[in-house]
């Protein structure tokens, strides 16, 4: 995720991670996590990460804005994200 013009934009997804399974795409803009509207002028990346992290297997509603499609509500089941190391 990156912050661009006061908005939080998805710039990377991990295959089979919670966001991928929920249908999130690169380029989606996070609008709301749970009941918290995201204002990039008042929140930083750490704040957004804290909103996303919670108890494994709990579900959170995330509203995104997708270019060309408008706002979409996704239901994301939280889980550990496993990222494999690149072998040398």
N, C-alpha and C. Protein backbone atom coordinates (compact mmCIF):
# COMPACT_ATOMS: atom_id res chain seq x y z
N UNK A 1 0.85 -1.16 0.00
CA UNK A 1 0.00 0.00 0.00
C UNK A 1 0.90 1.23 0.00
N UNK A 2 0.43 2.25 -0.67
CA UNK A 2 1.14 3.52 -0.66
C UNK A 2 0.15 4.65 -0.48
N UNK A 3 0.68 5.77 -0.05
CA UNK A 3 -0.16 6.95 0.15
C UNK A 3 0.11 7.90 -0.99
N UNK A 4 -0.96 8.25 -1.72
CA UNK A 4 -0.84 9.14 -2.87
C UNK A 4 -1.96 10.17 -2.82
N UNK A 5 -1.57 11.43 -2.80
CA UNK A 5 -2.55 12.53 -2.77
C UNK A 5 -3.55 12.39 -1.61
N UNK A 6 -3.06 11.97 -0.45
CA UNK A 6 -3.91 11.84 0.73
C UNK A 6 -4.79 10.60 0.72
N UNK A 7 -4.56 9.67 -0.20
CA UNK A 7 -5.34 8.44 -0.27
C UNK A 7 -4.41 7.23 -0.12
N UNK A 8 -4.96 6.14 0.36
CA UNK A 8 -4.21 4.90 0.54
C UNK A 8 -4.55 3.96 -0.61
N UNK A 9 -3.54 3.66 -1.44
CA UNK A 9 -3.74 2.92 -2.68
C UNK A 9 -3.04 1.56 -2.58
N UNK A 10 -3.75 0.51 -2.99
CA UNK A 10 -3.17 -0.84 -3.02
C UNK A 10 -2.16 -0.88 -4.16
N UNK A 11 -0.90 -1.19 -3.83
CA UNK A 11 0.12 -1.27 -4.88
C UNK A 11 0.77 -2.64 -4.95
N UNK A 12 0.34 -3.56 -4.07
CA UNK A 12 0.90 -4.90 -4.07
C UNK A 12 -0.09 -5.85 -3.40
N UNK A 13 -0.25 -7.03 -3.97
CA UNK A 13 -1.08 -8.07 -3.37
C UNK A 13 -0.29 -9.37 -3.34
N UNK A 14 -0.54 -10.17 -2.32
CA UNK A 14 0.09 -11.49 -2.24
C UNK A 14 -0.94 -12.54 -2.58
N UNK A 15 -0.56 -13.47 -3.44
CA UNK A 15 -1.47 -14.52 -3.90
C UNK A 15 -2.01 -15.30 -2.70
N UNK A 16 -3.32 -15.47 -2.68
CA UNK A 16 -4.05 -16.20 -1.64
C UNK A 16 -4.02 -15.54 -0.27
N UNK A 17 -3.58 -14.30 -0.18
CA UNK A 17 -3.66 -13.55 1.08
C UNK A 17 -5.10 -13.04 1.23
N UNK A 18 -5.49 -12.61 2.43
CA UNK A 18 -6.88 -12.18 2.65
C UNK A 18 -7.40 -11.16 1.64
N UNK A 19 -6.63 -10.13 1.32
CA UNK A 19 -7.10 -9.11 0.38
C UNK A 19 -7.31 -9.70 -1.01
N UNK A 20 -6.42 -10.58 -1.43
CA UNK A 20 -6.55 -11.24 -2.73
C UNK A 20 -7.80 -12.11 -2.77
N UNK A 21 -8.01 -12.89 -1.72
CA UNK A 21 -9.20 -13.77 -1.67
C UNK A 21 -10.50 -12.97 -1.66
N UNK A 22 -10.46 -11.75 -1.08
CA UNK A 22 -11.67 -10.92 -1.02
C UNK A 22 -11.96 -10.20 -2.33
N UNK A 23 -10.98 -10.20 -3.26
CA UNK A 23 -11.22 -9.57 -4.56
C UNK A 23 -10.59 -8.20 -4.72
N UNK A 24 -9.74 -7.81 -3.80
CA UNK A 24 -9.06 -6.52 -3.93
C UNK A 24 -8.09 -6.58 -5.11
N UNK A 25 -7.87 -5.43 -5.75
CA UNK A 25 -6.97 -5.35 -6.90
C UNK A 25 -5.97 -4.21 -6.72
N UNK A 26 -4.85 -4.35 -7.39
CA UNK A 26 -3.87 -3.26 -7.40
C UNK A 26 -4.54 -2.04 -8.03
N UNK A 27 -4.36 -0.89 -7.40
CA UNK A 27 -4.98 0.35 -7.88
C UNK A 27 -6.23 0.72 -7.09
N UNK A 28 -6.79 -0.24 -6.33
CA UNK A 28 -7.95 0.08 -5.49
C UNK A 28 -7.53 1.10 -4.42
N UNK A 29 -8.44 2.01 -4.11
CA UNK A 29 -8.19 3.03 -3.09
C UNK A 29 -9.01 2.65 -1.85
N UNK A 30 -8.34 2.56 -0.69
CA UNK A 30 -9.06 2.25 0.55
C UNK A 30 -9.83 3.48 1.00
N UNK A 31 -11.14 3.32 1.19
CA UNK A 31 -12.01 4.42 1.59
C UNK A 31 -12.37 4.31 3.07
N UNK A 32 -12.66 3.07 3.52
CA UNK A 32 -13.13 2.87 4.88
C UNK A 32 -12.74 1.47 5.34
N UNK A 33 -12.29 1.35 6.58
CA UNK A 33 -11.99 0.06 7.19
C UNK A 33 -12.88 -0.05 8.42
N UNK A 34 -13.79 -1.01 8.40
CA UNK A 34 -14.80 -1.08 9.47
C UNK A 34 -15.64 0.17 9.39
N UNK A 35 -15.74 0.89 10.48
CA UNK A 35 -16.51 2.14 10.51
C UNK A 35 -15.62 3.38 10.37
N UNK A 36 -14.32 3.17 10.19
CA UNK A 36 -13.36 4.27 10.16
C UNK A 36 -13.10 4.74 8.73
N UNK A 37 -13.55 5.97 8.40
CA UNK A 37 -13.23 6.57 7.11
C UNK A 37 -11.75 6.94 7.09
N UNK A 38 -11.09 6.67 5.99
CA UNK A 38 -9.67 6.93 5.89
C UNK A 38 -9.43 8.30 5.29
N UNK A 39 -8.80 9.14 6.08
CA UNK A 39 -8.43 10.48 5.64
C UNK A 39 -6.92 10.56 5.71
N UNK A 40 -6.28 10.56 4.57
CA UNK A 40 -4.82 10.57 4.51
C UNK A 40 -4.18 11.80 5.11
N UNK A 41 -4.99 12.82 5.36
CA UNK A 41 -4.44 14.02 6.00
C UNK A 41 -4.41 13.87 7.52
N UNK A 42 -5.15 12.90 8.05
CA UNK A 42 -5.21 12.70 9.50
C UNK A 42 -4.59 11.36 9.92
N UNK A 43 -4.45 10.43 9.00
CA UNK A 43 -3.90 9.11 9.31
C UNK A 43 -2.61 8.88 8.55
N UNK A 44 -1.75 8.05 9.13
CA UNK A 44 -0.56 7.66 8.39
C UNK A 44 -0.62 6.15 8.12
N UNK A 45 0.39 5.62 7.46
CA UNK A 45 0.40 4.20 7.07
C UNK A 45 0.30 3.30 8.30
N UNK A 46 0.96 3.68 9.38
CA UNK A 46 0.90 2.88 10.61
C UNK A 46 -0.51 2.79 11.15
N UNK A 47 -1.26 3.88 11.10
CA UNK A 47 -2.66 3.87 11.55
C UNK A 47 -3.49 2.89 10.72
N UNK A 48 -3.30 2.92 9.41
CA UNK A 48 -4.06 2.05 8.52
C UNK A 48 -3.70 0.59 8.77
N UNK A 49 -2.42 0.29 8.93
CA UNK A 49 -2.00 -1.09 9.22
C UNK A 49 -2.64 -1.60 10.50
N UNK A 50 -2.70 -0.74 11.52
CA UNK A 50 -3.32 -1.15 12.79
C UNK A 50 -4.81 -1.46 12.61
N UNK A 51 -5.48 -0.71 11.77
CA UNK A 51 -6.90 -0.97 11.51
C UNK A 51 -7.09 -2.32 10.80
N UNK A 52 -6.13 -2.69 9.96
CA UNK A 52 -6.24 -3.94 9.20
C UNK A 52 -5.89 -5.16 10.04
N UNK A 53 -4.98 -5.00 10.98
CA UNK A 53 -4.54 -6.13 11.81
C UNK A 53 -5.49 -6.32 12.98
N UNK A 54 -5.81 -7.56 13.22
CA UNK A 54 -6.69 -7.89 14.33
C UNK A 54 -6.58 -9.36 14.54
N UNK A 55 -7.51 -9.92 15.25
CA UNK A 55 -7.50 -11.34 15.55
C UNK A 55 -7.69 -12.17 14.28
N UNK A 56 -6.85 -13.20 14.12
CA UNK A 56 -6.95 -14.11 12.98
C UNK A 56 -8.37 -14.68 12.91
N UNK A 57 -8.88 -14.81 11.73
CA UNK A 57 -10.21 -15.35 11.41
C UNK A 57 -11.34 -14.39 11.73
N UNK A 58 -11.05 -13.17 12.18
CA UNK A 58 -12.11 -12.19 12.32
C UNK A 58 -12.34 -11.55 10.95
N UNK A 59 -13.53 -11.05 10.74
CA UNK A 59 -13.88 -10.48 9.45
C UNK A 59 -14.06 -8.97 9.60
N UNK A 60 -13.60 -8.25 8.59
CA UNK A 60 -13.71 -6.79 8.59
C UNK A 60 -14.28 -6.34 7.24
N UNK A 61 -15.14 -5.34 7.28
CA UNK A 61 -15.67 -4.75 6.05
C UNK A 61 -14.70 -3.66 5.61
N UNK A 62 -14.30 -3.72 4.36
CA UNK A 62 -13.41 -2.71 3.79
C UNK A 62 -14.09 -2.13 2.56
N UNK A 63 -14.25 -0.82 2.55
CA UNK A 63 -14.81 -0.15 1.38
C UNK A 63 -13.65 0.38 0.55
N UNK A 64 -13.70 0.06 -0.74
CA UNK A 64 -12.67 0.53 -1.66
C UNK A 64 -13.33 1.35 -2.76
N UNK A 65 -12.52 2.16 -3.40
CA UNK A 65 -12.97 2.84 -4.63
C UNK A 65 -12.11 2.28 -5.75
N UNK A 66 -12.77 1.72 -6.73
CA UNK A 66 -12.07 1.12 -7.86
C UNK A 66 -12.27 2.02 -9.07
N UNK A 67 -11.17 2.46 -9.66
CA UNK A 67 -11.27 3.32 -10.85
C UNK A 67 -12.20 2.70 -11.91
N UNK A 68 -13.16 3.48 -12.36
CA UNK A 68 -14.09 3.03 -13.38
C UNK A 68 -15.28 2.26 -12.85
N UNK A 69 -15.28 1.88 -11.56
CA UNK A 69 -16.38 1.09 -11.01
C UNK A 69 -17.03 1.72 -9.79
N UNK A 70 -16.40 2.72 -9.18
CA UNK A 70 -16.97 3.36 -8.01
C UNK A 70 -16.63 2.62 -6.72
N UNK A 71 -17.43 2.86 -5.68
CA UNK A 71 -17.17 2.26 -4.37
C UNK A 71 -17.70 0.83 -4.31
N UNK A 72 -16.92 -0.03 -3.68
CA UNK A 72 -17.26 -1.45 -3.54
C UNK A 72 -16.98 -1.84 -2.09
N UNK A 73 -17.88 -2.61 -1.50
CA UNK A 73 -17.71 -3.11 -0.14
C UNK A 73 -17.19 -4.54 -0.21
N UNK A 74 -16.06 -4.80 0.45
CA UNK A 74 -15.48 -6.13 0.50
C UNK A 74 -15.51 -6.64 1.93
N UNK A 75 -15.69 -7.94 2.09
CA UNK A 75 -15.61 -8.57 3.40
C UNK A 75 -14.31 -9.37 3.42
N UNK A 76 -13.42 -9.00 4.32
CA UNK A 76 -12.10 -9.61 4.36
C UNK A 76 -11.94 -10.40 5.66
N UNK A 77 -11.62 -11.69 5.54
CA UNK A 77 -11.32 -12.50 6.71
C UNK A 77 -9.84 -12.38 7.00
N UNK A 78 -9.52 -11.87 8.17
CA UNK A 78 -8.12 -11.67 8.53
C UNK A 78 -7.41 -13.01 8.72
N UNK A 79 -6.14 -13.02 8.32
CA UNK A 79 -5.34 -14.22 8.44
C UNK A 79 -3.87 -13.82 8.39
N UNK A 80 -3.01 -14.73 8.73
CA UNK A 80 -1.57 -14.47 8.59
C UNK A 80 -1.23 -14.40 7.11
N UNK A 81 -0.29 -13.53 6.78
CA UNK A 81 0.19 -13.44 5.40
C UNK A 81 1.57 -14.05 5.37
N UNK A 82 1.69 -15.11 4.59
CA UNK A 82 2.97 -15.80 4.48
C UNK A 82 3.66 -15.31 3.22
N UNK A 83 4.86 -14.80 3.40
CA UNK A 83 5.64 -14.32 2.28
C UNK A 83 6.92 -15.17 2.24
N UNK A 84 7.11 -15.89 1.16
CA UNK A 84 8.28 -16.73 1.04
C UNK A 84 9.52 -15.89 0.75
N UNK A 85 10.62 -16.29 1.34
CA UNK A 85 11.89 -15.63 1.08
C UNK A 85 12.41 -16.04 -0.29
N UNK A 86 13.14 -15.17 -0.90
CA UNK A 86 13.76 -15.46 -2.19
C UNK A 86 15.08 -16.17 -1.91
N UNK A 87 15.28 -17.38 -2.48
CA UNK A 87 16.54 -18.08 -2.23
C UNK A 87 17.70 -17.40 -2.99
N UNK A 88 18.86 -17.43 -2.39
CA UNK A 88 20.06 -16.85 -3.03
C UNK A 88 20.82 -17.92 -3.74
